[in-house]
Amino acid sequence: MFTSKRQKGASFEHQARLFLQSQGLKFIAANQYVKGGELDLIMSDQSTLVFVEVRQRKNDRFGSAIESVDWQKQQKWINAAALWLAKQGRSLEDTDCRFDLVAFGQSATDIEWIPNFLDD
């Protein structure tokens, strides 16, 4: 079905984008590469900028999609967002933003959205 891991990832990112748009978020950008990381999706939820990580696992043998976002991945995500904002002349301190996770199981219909994933 998919010829590469990248194609499979792009397909799930597209499904996540469509899902989030159906929930009222607006699309800003996808696959934003910065030094040390990538931002899968950048959306807006009214005045809040939303950095979205999209994860997929076909099984839980090595942990779920949610569990795969460990502390190290979270730090890379925050740093990537800070670098992207800096390119826009902004910062995490002066921008209303949040970090959401969209996790998939085996299919695009097995979806879980966790707003404010990085909040305690």
PDB file of N, CA and C in Angstrom:
ATOM      1  N   MET A   1       0.820  -1.195   0.000  1.00  0.00           N
ATOM      2  CA  MET A   1       0.000   0.000   0.000  1.00  0.00           C
ATOM      3  C   MET A   1       0.865   1.261   0.000  1.00  0.00           C
ATOM      4  N   PHE A   2       1.813   1.379   0.943  1.00  0.00           N
ATOM      5  CA  PHE A   2       2.717   2.520   0.978  1.00  0.00           C
ATOM      6  C   PHE A   2       4.068   2.065   0.455  1.00  0.00           C
ATOM      7  N   THR A   3       4.714   2.890  -0.360  1.00  0.00           N
ATOM      8  CA  THR A   3       6.001   2.495  -0.900  1.00  0.00           C
ATOM      9  C   THR A   3       7.149   2.892   0.016  1.00  0.00           C
ATOM     10  N   SER A   4       6.887   3.772   0.975  1.00  0.00           N
ATOM     11  CA  SER A   4       7.952   4.148   1.890  1.00  0.00           C
ATOM     12  C   SER A   4       7.367   4.564   3.241  1.00  0.00           C
ATOM     13  N   LYS A   5       8.247   4.539   4.226  1.00  0.00           N
ATOM     14  CA  LYS A   5       7.853   4.983   5.571  1.00  0.00           C
ATOM     15  C   LYS A   5       7.419   6.452   5.530  1.00  0.00           C
ATOM     16  N   ARG A   6       8.114   7.240   4.711  1.00  0.00           N
ATOM     17  CA  ARG A   6       7.792   8.663   4.588  1.00  0.00           C
ATOM     18  C   ARG A   6       6.380   8.861   4.007  1.00  0.00           C
ATOM     19  N   GLN A   7       6.023   8.050   2.994  1.00  0.00           N
ATOM     20  CA  GLN A   7       4.673   8.139   2.409  1.00  0.00           C
ATOM     21  C   GLN A   7       3.611   7.779   3.441  1.00  0.00           C
ATOM     22  N   LYS A   8       3.892   6.741   4.214  1.00  0.00           N
ATOM     23  CA  LYS A   8       2.950   6.318   5.250  1.00  0.00           C
ATOM     24  C   LYS A   8       2.773   7.443   6.271  1.00  0.00           C
ATOM     25  N   GLY A   9       3.883   8.039   6.694  1.00  0.00           N
ATOM     26  CA  GLY A   9       3.820   9.151   7.645  1.00  0.00           C
ATOM     27  C   GLY A   9       3.045  10.327   7.081  1.00  0.00           C
ATOM     28  N   ALA A  10       3.284  10.652   5.818  1.00  0.00           N
ATOM     29  CA  ALA A  10       2.577  11.765   5.177  1.00  0.00           C
ATOM     30  C   ALA A  10       1.080  11.498   5.118  1.00  0.00           C
ATOM     31  N   SER A  11       0.705  10.249   4.888  1.00  0.00           N
ATOM     32  CA  SER A  11      -0.711   9.898   4.841  1.00  0.00           C
ATOM     33  C   SER A  11      -1.374  10.111   6.201  1.00  0.00           C
ATOM     34  N   PHE A  12      -0.721   9.673   7.279  1.00  0.00           N
ATOM     35  CA  PHE A  12      -1.288   9.866   8.615  1.00  0.00           C
ATOM     36  C   PHE A  12      -1.301  11.345   9.001  1.00  0.00           C
ATOM     37  N   GLU A  13      -0.279  12.096   8.596  1.00  0.00           N
ATOM     38  CA  GLU A  13      -0.277  13.538   8.870  1.00  0.00           C
ATOM     39  C   GLU A  13      -1.436  14.221   8.151  1.00  0.00           C
ATOM     40  N   HIS A  14      -1.715  13.801   6.925  1.00  0.00           N
ATOM     41  CA  HIS A  14      -2.835  14.366   6.182  1.00  0.00           C
ATOM     42  C   HIS A  14      -4.164  14.039   6.877  1.00  0.00           C
ATOM     43  N   GLN A  15      -4.314  12.804   7.334  1.00  0.00           N
ATOM     44  CA  GLN A  15      -5.532  12.411   8.055  1.00  0.00           C
ATOM     45  C   GLN A  15      -5.675  13.218   9.342  1.00  0.00           C
ATOM     46  N   ALA A  16      -4.563  13.450  10.041  1.00  0.00           N
ATOM     47  CA  ALA A  16      -4.593  14.255  11.267  1.00  0.00           C
ATOM     48  C   ALA A  16      -5.025  15.686  10.947  1.00  0.00           C
ATOM     49  N   ARG A  17      -4.487  16.226   9.861  1.00  0.00           N
ATOM     50  CA  ARG A  17      -4.861  17.588   9.451  1.00  0.00           C
ATOM     51  C   ARG A  17      -6.357  17.682   9.172  1.00  0.00           C
ATOM     52  N   LEU A  18      -6.888  16.735   8.404  1.00  0.00           N
ATOM     53  CA  LEU A  18      -8.323  16.738   8.095  1.00  0.00           C
ATOM     54  C   LEU A  18      -9.162  16.610   9.365  1.00  0.00           C
ATOM     55  N   PHE A  19      -8.727  15.736  10.276  1.00  0.00           N
ATOM     56  CA  PHE A  19      -9.447  15.558  11.540  1.00  0.00           C
ATOM     57  C   PHE A  19      -9.450  16.862  12.344  1.00  0.00           C
ATOM     58  N   LEU A  20      -8.290  17.485  12.481  1.00  0.00           N
ATOM     59  CA  LEU A  20      -8.204  18.719  13.271  1.00  0.00           C
ATOM     60  C   LEU A  20      -9.012  19.845  12.627  1.00  0.00           C
ATOM     61  N   GLN A  21      -9.001  19.907  11.305  1.00  0.00           N
ATOM     62  CA  GLN A  21      -9.822  20.909  10.627  1.00  0.00           C
ATOM     63  C   GLN A  21     -11.303  20.653  10.890  1.00  0.00           C
ATOM     64  N   SER A  22     -11.698  19.398  10.982  1.00  0.00           N
ATOM     65  CA  SER A  22     -13.101  19.077  11.278  1.00  0.00           C
ATOM     66  C   SER A  22     -13.469  19.472  12.710  1.00  0.00           C
ATOM     67  N   GLN A  23     -12.445  19.646  13.550  1.00  0.00           N
ATOM     68  CA  GLN A  23     -12.662  20.070  14.933  1.00  0.00           C
ATOM     69  C   GLN A  23     -12.573  21.593  15.093  1.00  0.00           C
ATOM     70  N   GLY A  24     -12.394  22.295  13.972  1.00  0.00           N
ATOM     71  CA  GLY A  24     -12.394  23.754  13.994  1.00  0.00           C
ATOM     72  C   GLY A  24     -11.028  24.419  13.944  1.00  0.00           C
ATOM     73  N   LEU A  25      -9.950  23.643  13.901  1.00  0.00           N
ATOM     74  CA  LEU A  25      -8.628  24.245  13.809  1.00  0.00           C
ATOM     75  C   LEU A  25      -8.346  24.632  12.363  1.00  0.00           C
ATOM     76  N   LYS A  26      -7.488  25.626  12.191  1.00  0.00           N
ATOM     77  CA  LYS A  26      -7.127  26.088  10.857  1.00  0.00           C
ATOM     78  C   LYS A  26      -5.670  25.697  10.564  1.00  0.00           C
ATOM     79  N   PHE A  27      -5.447  25.238   9.327  1.00  0.00           N
ATOM     80  CA  PHE A  27      -4.126  24.802   8.899  1.00  0.00           C
ATOM     81  C   PHE A  27      -3.226  26.000   8.619  1.00  0.00           C
ATOM     82  N   ILE A  28      -1.980  25.910   9.103  1.00  0.00           N
ATOM     83  CA  ILE A  28      -0.976  26.942   8.818  1.00  0.00           C
ATOM     84  C   ILE A  28       0.161  26.356   7.982  1.00  0.00           C
ATOM     85  N   ALA A  29       0.739  25.241   8.445  1.00  0.00           N
ATOM     86  CA  ALA A  29       1.886  24.664   7.732  1.00  0.00           C
ATOM     87  C   ALA A  29       2.054  23.194   8.111  1.00  0.00           C
ATOM     88  N   ALA A  30       2.792  22.475   7.261  1.00  0.00           N
ATOM     89  CA  ALA A  30       3.111  21.075   7.524  1.00  0.00           C
ATOM     90  C   ALA A  30       4.580  20.828   7.248  1.00  0.00           C
ATOM     91  N   ASN A  31       5.130  19.844   7.933  1.00  0.00           N
ATOM     92  CA  ASN A  31       6.504  19.402   7.715  1.00  0.00           C
ATOM     93  C   ASN A  31       7.491  20.563   7.691  1.00  0.00           C
ATOM     94  N   GLN A  32       7.509  21.301   8.772  1.00  0.00           N
ATOM     95  CA  GLN A  32       8.436  22.417   8.902  1.00  0.00           C
ATOM     96  C   GLN A  32       9.732  21.910   9.527  1.00  0.00           C
ATOM     97  N   TYR A  33      10.796  21.920   8.739  1.00  0.00           N
ATOM     98  CA  TYR A  33      12.087  21.425   9.191  1.00  0.00           C
ATOM     99  C   TYR A  33      12.916  22.584   9.739  1.00  0.00           C
ATOM    100  N   VAL A  34      13.430  22.392  10.938  1.00  0.00           N
ATOM    101  CA  VAL A  34      14.343  23.353  11.552  1.00  0.00           C
ATOM    102  C   VAL A  34      15.536  22.564  12.077  1.00  0.00           C
ATOM    103  N   LYS A  35      16.595  23.253  12.439  1.00  0.00           N
ATOM    104  CA  LYS A  35      17.776  22.560  12.934  1.00  0.00           C
ATOM    105  C   LYS A  35      17.394  21.678  14.125  1.00  0.00           C
ATOM    106  N   GLY A  36      17.643  20.386  13.984  1.00  0.00           N
ATOM    107  CA  GLY A  36      17.397  19.472  15.086  1.00  0.00           C
ATOM    108  C   GLY A  36      16.001  18.902  15.176  1.00  0.00           C
ATOM    109  N   GLY A  37      15.130  19.211  14.215  1.00  0.00           N
ATOM    110  CA  GLY A  37      13.801  18.632  14.330  1.00  0.00           C
ATOM    111  C   GLY A  37      12.852  19.023  13.219  1.00  0.00           C
ATOM    112  N   GLU A  38      11.650  18.491  13.339  1.00  0.00           N
ATOM    113  CA  GLU A  38      10.594  18.758  12.371  1.00  0.00           C
ATOM    114  C   GLU A  38       9.287  18.957  13.125  1.00  0.00           C
ATOM    115  N   LEU A  39       8.488  19.875  12.638  1.00  0.00           N
ATOM    116  CA  LEU A  39       7.143  20.083  13.162  1.00  0.00           C
ATOM    117  C   LEU A  39       6.186  19.485  12.147  1.00  0.00           C
ATOM    118  N   ASP A  40       5.425  18.463  12.571  1.00  0.00           N
ATOM    119  CA  ASP A  40       4.535  17.767  11.640  1.00  0.00           C
ATOM    120  C   ASP A  40       3.455  18.689  11.101  1.00  0.00           C
ATOM    121  N   LEU A  41       2.726  19.325  11.999  1.00  0.00           N
ATOM    122  CA  LEU A  41       1.652  20.243  11.616  1.00  0.00           C
ATOM    123  C   LEU A  41       1.689  21.477  12.505  1.00  0.00           C
ATOM    124  N   ILE A  42       1.383  22.605  11.912  1.00  0.00           N
ATOM    125  CA  ILE A  42       1.162  23.822  12.683  1.00  0.00           C
ATOM    126  C   ILE A  42      -0.239  24.286  12.322  1.00  0.00           C
ATOM    127  N   MET A  43      -1.064  24.428  13.339  1.00  0.00           N
ATOM    128  CA  MET A  43      -2.465  24.798  13.171  1.00  0.00           C
ATOM    129  C   MET A  43      -2.744  26.009  14.055  1.00  0.00           C
ATOM    130  N   SER A  44      -3.921  26.579  13.912  1.00  0.00           N
ATOM    131  CA  SER A  44      -4.348  27.606  14.857  1.00  0.00           C
ATOM    132  C   SER A  44      -5.721  27.229  15.386  1.00  0.00           C
ATOM    133  N   ASP A  45      -5.908  27.498  16.654  1.00  0.00           N
ATOM    134  CA  ASP A  45      -7.179  27.286  17.329  1.00  0.00           C
ATOM    135  C   ASP A  45      -7.584  28.643  17.863  1.00  0.00           C
ATOM    136  N   GLN A  46      -8.351  29.359  17.081  1.00  0.00           N
ATOM    137  CA  GLN A  46      -8.671  30.767  17.314  1.00  0.00           C
ATOM    138  C   GLN A  46      -7.354  31.537  17.394  1.00  0.00           C
ATOM    139  N   SER A  47      -6.997  32.112  18.538  1.00  0.00           N
ATOM    140  CA  SER A  47      -5.760  32.905  18.618  1.00  0.00           C
ATOM    141  C   SER A  47      -4.561  32.086  19.092  1.00  0.00           C
ATOM    142  N   THR A  48      -4.747  30.792  19.325  1.00  0.00           N
ATOM    143  CA  THR A  48      -3.672  29.933  19.829  1.00  0.00           C
ATOM    144  C   THR A  48      -2.985  29.203  18.688  1.00  0.00           C
ATOM    145  N   LEU A  49      -1.670  29.275  18.660  1.00  0.00           N
ATOM    146  CA  LEU A  49      -0.871  28.533  17.688  1.00  0.00           C
ATOM    147  C   LEU A  49      -0.688  27.120  18.242  1.00  0.00           C
ATOM    148  N   VAL A  50      -0.938  26.117  17.414  1.00  0.00           N
ATOM    149  CA  VAL A  50      -0.903  24.732  17.874  1.00  0.00           C
ATOM    150  C   VAL A  50       0.158  23.954  17.085  1.00  0.00           C
ATOM    151  N   PHE A  51       1.158  23.442  17.819  1.00  0.00           N
ATOM    152  CA  PHE A  51       2.192  22.596  17.228  1.00  0.00           C
ATOM    153  C   PHE A  51       1.742  21.154  17.446  1.00  0.00           C
ATOM    154  N   VAL A  52       1.558  20.428  16.341  1.00  0.00           N
ATOM    155  CA  VAL A  52       0.968  19.089  16.409  1.00  0.00           C
ATOM    156  C   VAL A  52       1.999  18.035  16.037  1.00  0.00           C
ATOM    157  N   GLU A  53       2.171  17.075  16.923  1.00  0.00           N
ATOM    158  CA  GLU A  53       2.991  15.897  16.644  1.00  0.00           C
ATOM    159  C   GLU A  53       2.040  14.778  16.254  1.00  0.00           C
ATOM    160  N   VAL A  54       2.328  14.115  15.137  1.00  0.00           N
ATOM    161  CA  VAL A  54       1.501  13.010  14.663  1.00  0.00           C
ATOM    162  C   VAL A  54       2.305  11.727  14.825  1.00  0.00           C
ATOM    163  N   ARG A  55       1.737  10.757  15.536  1.00  0.00           N
ATOM    164  CA  ARG A  55       2.415   9.481  15.777  1.00  0.00           C
ATOM    165  C   ARG A  55       1.504   8.333  15.386  1.00  0.00           C
ATOM    166  N   GLN A  56       2.119   7.253  14.924  1.00  0.00           N
ATOM    167  CA  GLN A  56       1.349   6.066  14.543  1.00  0.00           C
ATOM    168  C   GLN A  56       2.139   4.827  14.915  1.00  0.00           C
ATOM    169  N   ARG A  57       1.435   3.849  15.440  1.00  0.00           N
ATOM    170  CA  ARG A  57       2.025   2.545  15.750  1.00  0.00           C
ATOM    171  C   ARG A  57       1.057   1.477  15.272  1.00  0.00           C
ATOM    172  N   LYS A  58       1.575   0.492  14.527  1.00  0.00           N
ATOM    173  CA  LYS A  58       0.684  -0.567  14.054  1.00  0.00           C
ATOM    174  C   LYS A  58       0.380  -1.578  15.149  1.00  0.00           C
ATOM    175  N   ASN A  59       1.241  -1.620  16.188  1.00  0.00           N
ATOM    176  CA  ASN A  59       0.935  -2.439  17.361  1.00  0.00           C
ATOM    177  C   ASN A  59       1.665  -1.841  18.569  1.00  0.00           C
ATOM    178  N   ASP A  60       1.345  -2.337  19.757  1.00  0.00           N
ATOM    179  CA  ASP A  60       1.914  -1.782  20.982  1.00  0.00           C
ATOM    180  C   ASP A  60       3.110  -2.580  21.502  1.00  0.00           C
ATOM    181  N   ARG A  61       3.673  -3.428  20.669  1.00  0.00           N
ATOM    182  CA  ARG A  61       4.779  -4.282  21.122  1.00  0.00           C
ATOM    183  C   ARG A  61       5.925  -3.453  21.712  1.00  0.00           C
ATOM    184  N   PHE A  62       6.214  -2.304  21.112  1.00  0.00           N
ATOM    185  CA  PHE A  62       7.295  -1.443  21.604  1.00  0.00           C
ATOM    186  C   PHE A  62       6.733  -0.173  22.234  1.00  0.00           C
ATOM    187  N   GLY A  63       5.496  -0.231  22.702  1.00  0.00           N
ATOM    188  CA  GLY A  63       4.844   0.929  23.298  1.00  0.00           C
ATOM    189  C   GLY A  63       3.850   1.533  22.334  1.00  0.00           C
ATOM    190  N   SER A  64       2.903   2.229  22.881  1.00  0.00           N
ATOM    191  CA  SER A  64       1.864   2.855  22.062  1.00  0.00           C
ATOM    192  C   SER A  64       2.407   4.100  21.370  1.00  0.00           C
ATOM    193  N   ALA A  65       1.628   4.633  20.456  1.00  0.00           N
ATOM    194  CA  ALA A  65       2.009   5.881  19.781  1.00  0.00           C
ATOM    195  C   ALA A  65       2.187   6.994  20.804  1.00  0.00           C
ATOM    196  N   ILE A  66       1.327   7.022  21.805  1.00  0.00           N
ATOM    197  CA  ILE A  66       1.420   8.054  22.847  1.00  0.00           C
ATOM    198  C   ILE A  66       2.698   7.864  23.665  1.00  0.00           C
ATOM    199  N   GLU A  67       2.988   6.638  24.043  1.00  0.00           N
ATOM    200  CA  GLU A  67       4.184   6.358  24.840  1.00  0.00           C
ATOM    201  C   GLU A  67       5.471   6.639  24.076  1.00  0.00           C
ATOM    202  N   SER A  68       5.401   6.674  22.747  1.00  0.00           N
ATOM    203  CA  SER A  68       6.606   6.906  21.947  1.00  0.00           C
ATOM    204  C   SER A  68       7.091   8.349  22.027  1.00  0.00           C
ATOM    205  N   VAL A  69       6.285   9.242  22.570  1.00  0.00           N
ATOM    206  CA  VAL A  69       6.685  10.640  22.707  1.00  0.00           C
ATOM    207  C   VAL A  69       7.312  10.798  24.099  1.00  0.00           C
ATOM    208  N   ASP A  70       8.556  10.347  24.196  1.00  0.00           N
ATOM    209  CA  ASP A  70       9.268  10.376  25.470  1.00  0.00           C
ATOM    210  C   ASP A  70       9.813  11.779  25.763  1.00  0.00           C
ATOM    211  N   TRP A  71      10.500  11.910  26.899  1.00  0.00           N
ATOM    212  CA  TRP A  71      11.012  13.207  27.328  1.00  0.00           C
ATOM    213  C   TRP A  71      11.933  13.815  26.278  1.00  0.00           C
ATOM    214  N   GLN A  72      12.802  12.989  25.692  1.00  0.00           N
ATOM    215  CA  GLN A  72      13.740  13.483  24.685  1.00  0.00           C
ATOM    216  C   GLN A  72      12.995  14.016  23.458  1.00  0.00           C
ATOM    217  N   LYS A  73      11.976  13.302  22.987  1.00  0.00           N
ATOM    218  CA  LYS A  73      11.182  13.753  21.845  1.00  0.00           C
ATOM    219  C   LYS A  73      10.450  15.044  22.196  1.00  0.00           C
ATOM    220  N   GLN A  74       9.957  15.140  23.424  1.00  0.00           N
ATOM    221  CA  GLN A  74       9.255  16.353  23.852  1.00  0.00           C
ATOM    222  C   GLN A  74      10.190  17.562  23.803  1.00  0.00           C
ATOM    223  N   GLN A  75      11.425  17.381  24.248  1.00  0.00           N
ATOM    224  CA  GLN A  75      12.395  18.483  24.224  1.00  0.00           C
ATOM    225  C   GLN A  75      12.713  18.906  22.790  1.00  0.00           C
ATOM    226  N   LYS A  76      12.859  17.946  21.881  1.00  0.00           N
ATOM    227  CA  LYS A  76      13.110  18.270  20.471  1.00  0.00           C
ATOM    228  C   LYS A  76      11.925  19.032  19.879  1.00  0.00           C
ATOM    229  N   TRP A  77      10.721  18.627  20.267  1.00  0.00           N
ATOM    230  CA  TRP A  77       9.488  19.268  19.793  1.00  0.00           C
ATOM    231  C   TRP A  77       9.441  20.729  20.247  1.00  0.00           C
ATOM    232  N   ILE A  78       9.718  20.954  21.522  1.00  0.00           N
ATOM    233  CA  ILE A  78       9.722  22.324  22.071  1.00  0.00           C
ATOM    234  C   ILE A  78      10.802  23.158  21.394  1.00  0.00           C
ATOM    235  N   ASN A  79      11.995  22.600  21.248  1.00  0.00           N
ATOM    236  CA  ASN A  79      13.090  23.337  20.601  1.00  0.00           C
ATOM    237  C   ASN A  79      12.767  23.669  19.148  1.00  0.00           C
ATOM    238  N   ALA A  80      12.152  22.715  18.432  1.00  0.00           N
ATOM    239  CA  ALA A  80      11.771  22.970  17.034  1.00  0.00           C
ATOM    240  C   ALA A  80      10.748  24.097  16.962  1.00  0.00           C
ATOM    241  N   ALA A  81       9.783  24.083  17.867  1.00  0.00           N
ATOM    242  CA  ALA A  81       8.773  25.151  17.894  1.00  0.00           C
ATOM    243  C   ALA A  81       9.426  26.503  18.184  1.00  0.00           C
ATOM    244  N   ALA A  82      10.371  26.526  19.132  1.00  0.00           N
ATOM    245  CA  ALA A  82      11.058  27.777  19.467  1.00  0.00           C
ATOM    246  C   ALA A  82      11.837  28.307  18.272  1.00  0.00           C
ATOM    247  N   LEU A  83      12.523  27.418  17.551  1.00  0.00           N
ATOM    248  CA  LEU A  83      13.273  27.841  16.368  1.00  0.00           C
ATOM    249  C   LEU A  83      12.346  28.334  15.262  1.00  0.00           C
ATOM    250  N   TRP A  84      11.229  27.639  15.047  1.00  0.00           N
ATOM    251  CA  TRP A  84      10.274  28.061  14.020  1.00  0.00           C
ATOM    252  C   TRP A  84       9.713  29.438  14.372  1.00  0.00           C
ATOM    253  N   LEU A  85       9.349  29.622  15.638  1.00  0.00           N
ATOM    254  CA  LEU A  85       8.825  30.922  16.066  1.00  0.00           C
ATOM    255  C   LEU A  85       9.867  32.024  15.894  1.00  0.00           C
ATOM    256  N   ALA A  86      11.116  31.713  16.215  1.00  0.00           N
ATOM    257  CA  ALA A  86      12.189  32.707  16.072  1.00  0.00           C
ATOM    258  C   ALA A  86      12.301  33.181  14.625  1.00  0.00           C
ATOM    259  N   LYS A  87      12.117  32.260  13.680  1.00  0.00           N
ATOM    260  CA  LYS A  87      12.140  32.642  12.258  1.00  0.00           C
ATOM    261  C   LYS A  87      11.003  33.592  11.911  1.00  0.00           C
ATOM    262  N   GLN A  88       9.934  33.543  12.724  1.00  0.00           N
ATOM    263  CA  GLN A  88       8.782  34.422  12.505  1.00  0.00           C
ATOM    264  C   GLN A  88       8.911  35.710  13.331  1.00  0.00           C
ATOM    265  N   GLY A  89      10.026  35.873  14.035  1.00  0.00           N
ATOM    266  CA  GLY A  89      10.223  37.045  14.889  1.00  0.00           C
ATOM    267  C   GLY A  89       9.433  36.963  16.186  1.00  0.00           C
ATOM    268  N   ARG A  90       9.140  35.744  16.615  1.00  0.00           N
ATOM    269  CA  ARG A  90       8.353  35.532  17.835  1.00  0.00           C
ATOM    270  C   ARG A  90       9.100  34.575  18.755  1.00  0.00           C
ATOM    271  N   SER A  91       8.499  34.296  19.910  1.00  0.00           N
ATOM    272  CA  SER A  91       9.101  33.340  20.840  1.00  0.00           C
ATOM    273  C   SER A  91       8.003  32.590  21.582  1.00  0.00           C
ATOM    274  N   LEU A  92       8.402  31.524  22.264  1.00  0.00           N
ATOM    275  CA  LEU A  92       7.437  30.770  23.074  1.00  0.00           C
ATOM    276  C   LEU A  92       6.878  31.636  24.199  1.00  0.00           C
ATOM    277  N   GLU A  93       7.694  32.565  24.684  1.00  0.00           N
ATOM    278  CA  GLU A  93       7.267  33.420  25.790  1.00  0.00           C
ATOM    279  C   GLU A  93       6.216  34.447  25.378  1.00  0.00           C
ATOM    280  N   ASP A  94       6.270  34.914  24.129  1.00  0.00           N
ATOM    281  CA  ASP A  94       5.325  35.969  23.729  1.00  0.00           C
ATOM    282  C   ASP A  94       4.228  35.481  22.783  1.00  0.00           C
ATOM    283  N   THR A  95       4.122  34.160  22.613  1.00  0.00           N
ATOM    284  CA  THR A  95       3.124  33.605  21.701  1.00  0.00           C
ATOM    285  C   THR A  95       2.197  32.662  22.461  1.00  0.00           C
ATOM    286  N   ASP A  96       0.905  32.836  22.251  1.00  0.00           N
ATOM    287  CA  ASP A  96      -0.076  31.920  22.837  1.00  0.00           C
ATOM    288  C   ASP A  96      -0.022  30.642  22.010  1.00  0.00           C
ATOM    289  N   CYS A  97       0.563  29.588  22.591  1.00  0.00           N
ATOM    290  CA  CYS A  97       0.686  28.341  21.838  1.00  0.00           C
ATOM    291  C   CYS A  97       0.504  27.134  22.751  1.00  0.00           C
ATOM    292  N   ARG A  98       0.289  25.995  22.106  1.00  0.00           N
ATOM    293  CA  ARG A  98       0.187  24.726  22.838  1.00  0.00           C
ATOM    294  C   ARG A  98       0.720  23.616  21.944  1.00  0.00           C
ATOM    295  N   PHE A  99       0.911  22.459  22.572  1.00  0.00           N
ATOM    296  CA  PHE A  99       1.462  21.293  21.891  1.00  0.00           C
ATOM    297  C   PHE A  99       0.450  20.162  21.981  1.00  0.00           C
ATOM    298  N   ASP A 100      -0.090  19.766  20.830  1.00  0.00           N
ATOM    299  CA  ASP A 100      -1.098  18.702  20.765  1.00  0.00           C
ATOM    300  C   ASP A 100      -0.490  17.456  20.140  1.00  0.00           C
ATOM    301  N   LEU A 101      -1.004  16.304  20.559  1.00  0.00           N
ATOM    302  CA  LEU A 101      -0.592  15.034  19.980  1.00  0.00           C
ATOM    303  C   LEU A 101      -1.789  14.390  19.305  1.00  0.00           C
ATOM    304  N   VAL A 102      -1.575  13.918  18.083  1.00  0.00           N
ATOM    305  CA  VAL A 102      -2.576  13.097  17.403  1.00  0.00           C
ATOM    306  C   VAL A 102      -1.930  11.734  17.221  1.00  0.00           C
ATOM    307  N   ALA A 103      -2.523  10.717  17.874  1.00  0.00           N
ATOM    308  CA  ALA A 103      -1.962   9.367  17.858  1.00  0.00           C
ATOM    309  C   ALA A 103      -2.902   8.428  17.116  1.00  0.00           C
ATOM    310  N   PHE A 104      -2.309   7.633  16.237  1.00  0.00           N
ATOM    311  CA  PHE A 104      -3.060   6.646  15.468  1.00  0.00           C
ATOM    312  C   PHE A 104      -2.653   5.243  15.888  1.00  0.00           C
ATOM    313  N   GLY A 105      -3.611   4.330  15.802  1.00  0.00           N
ATOM    314  CA  GLY A 105      -3.316   2.902  15.933  1.00  0.00           C
ATOM    315  C   GLY A 105      -3.017   2.363  14.549  1.00  0.00           C
ATOM    316  N   GLN A 106      -3.616   1.237  14.215  1.00  0.00           N
ATOM    317  CA  GLN A 106      -3.320   0.597  12.932  1.00  0.00           C
ATOM    318  C   GLN A 106      -3.903   1.331  11.733  1.00  0.00           C
ATOM    319  N   SER A 107      -4.975   2.077  11.924  1.00  0.00           N
ATOM    320  CA  SER A 107      -5.636   2.709  10.779  1.00  0.00           C
ATOM    321  C   SER A 107      -5.903   4.183  11.053  1.00  0.00           C
ATOM    322  N   ALA A 108      -6.268   4.885   9.999  1.00  0.00           N
ATOM    323  CA  ALA A 108      -6.563   6.311  10.122  1.00  0.00           C
ATOM    324  C   ALA A 108      -7.844   6.575  10.912  1.00  0.00           C
ATOM    325  N   THR A 109      -8.661   5.541  11.110  1.00  0.00           N
ATOM    326  CA  THR A 109      -9.884   5.732  11.900  1.00  0.00           C
ATOM    327  C   THR A 109      -9.644   5.483  13.388  1.00  0.00           C
ATOM    328  N   ASP A 110      -8.503   4.895  13.721  1.00  0.00           N
ATOM    329  CA  ASP A 110      -8.118   4.645  15.111  1.00  0.00           C
ATOM    330  C   ASP A 110      -7.284   5.838  15.559  1.00  0.00           C
ATOM    331  N   ILE A 111      -7.974   6.921  15.947  1.00  0.00           N
ATOM    332  CA  ILE A 111      -7.313   8.205  16.199  1.00  0.00           C
ATOM    333  C   ILE A 111      -7.622   8.702  17.605  1.00  0.00           C
ATOM    334  N   GLU A 112      -6.600   9.283  18.230  1.00  0.00           N
ATOM    335  CA  GLU A 112      -6.779   9.904  19.543  1.00  0.00           C
ATOM    336  C   GLU A 112      -6.092  11.265  19.505  1.00  0.00           C
ATOM    337  N   TRP A 113      -6.822  12.307  19.892  1.00  0.00           N
ATOM    338  CA  TRP A 113      -6.310  13.673  19.896  1.00  0.00           C
ATOM    339  C   TRP A 113      -6.142  14.099  21.345  1.00  0.00           C
ATOM    340  N   ILE A 114      -4.934  14.523  21.700  1.00  0.00           N
ATOM    341  CA  ILE A 114      -4.679  14.981  23.058  1.00  0.00           C
ATOM    342  C   ILE A 114      -4.195  16.434  22.999  1.00  0.00           C
ATOM    343  N   PRO A 115      -5.129  17.387  23.200  1.00  0.00           N
ATOM    344  CA  PRO A 115      -4.723  18.797  23.267  1.00  0.00           C
ATOM    345  C   PRO A 115      -3.845  19.030  24.501  1.00  0.00           C
ATOM    346  N   ASN A 116      -2.951  19.995  24.422  1.00  0.00           N
ATOM    347  CA  ASN A 116      -2.078  20.341  25.546  1.00  0.00           C
ATOM    348  C   ASN A 116      -1.314  19.135  26.053  1.00  0.00           C
ATOM    349  N   PHE A 117      -0.799  18.335  25.169  1.00  0.00           N
ATOM    350  CA  PHE A 117      -0.105  17.099  25.539  1.00  0.00           C
ATOM    351  C   PHE A 117       1.051  17.345  26.503  1.00  0.00           C
ATOM    352  N   LEU A 118       1.738  18.459  26.356  1.00  0.00           N
ATOM    353  CA  LEU A 118       2.928  18.713  27.184  1.00  0.00           C
ATOM    354  C   LEU A 118       2.602  19.344  28.534  1.00  0.00           C
ATOM    355  N   ASP A 119       1.346  19.680  28.780  1.00  0.00           N
ATOM    356  CA  ASP A 119       0.979  20.221  30.091  1.00  0.00           C
ATOM    357  C   ASP A 119       0.950  19.110  31.121  1.00  0.00           C
ATOM    358  N   ASP A 120       1.349  19.454  32.331  1.00  0.00           N
ATOM    359  CA  ASP A 120       1.356  18.440  33.412  1.00  0.00           C
ATOM    360  C   ASP A 120      -0.016  17.998  33.811  1.00  0.00           C
TER     361      ASP A 120
END
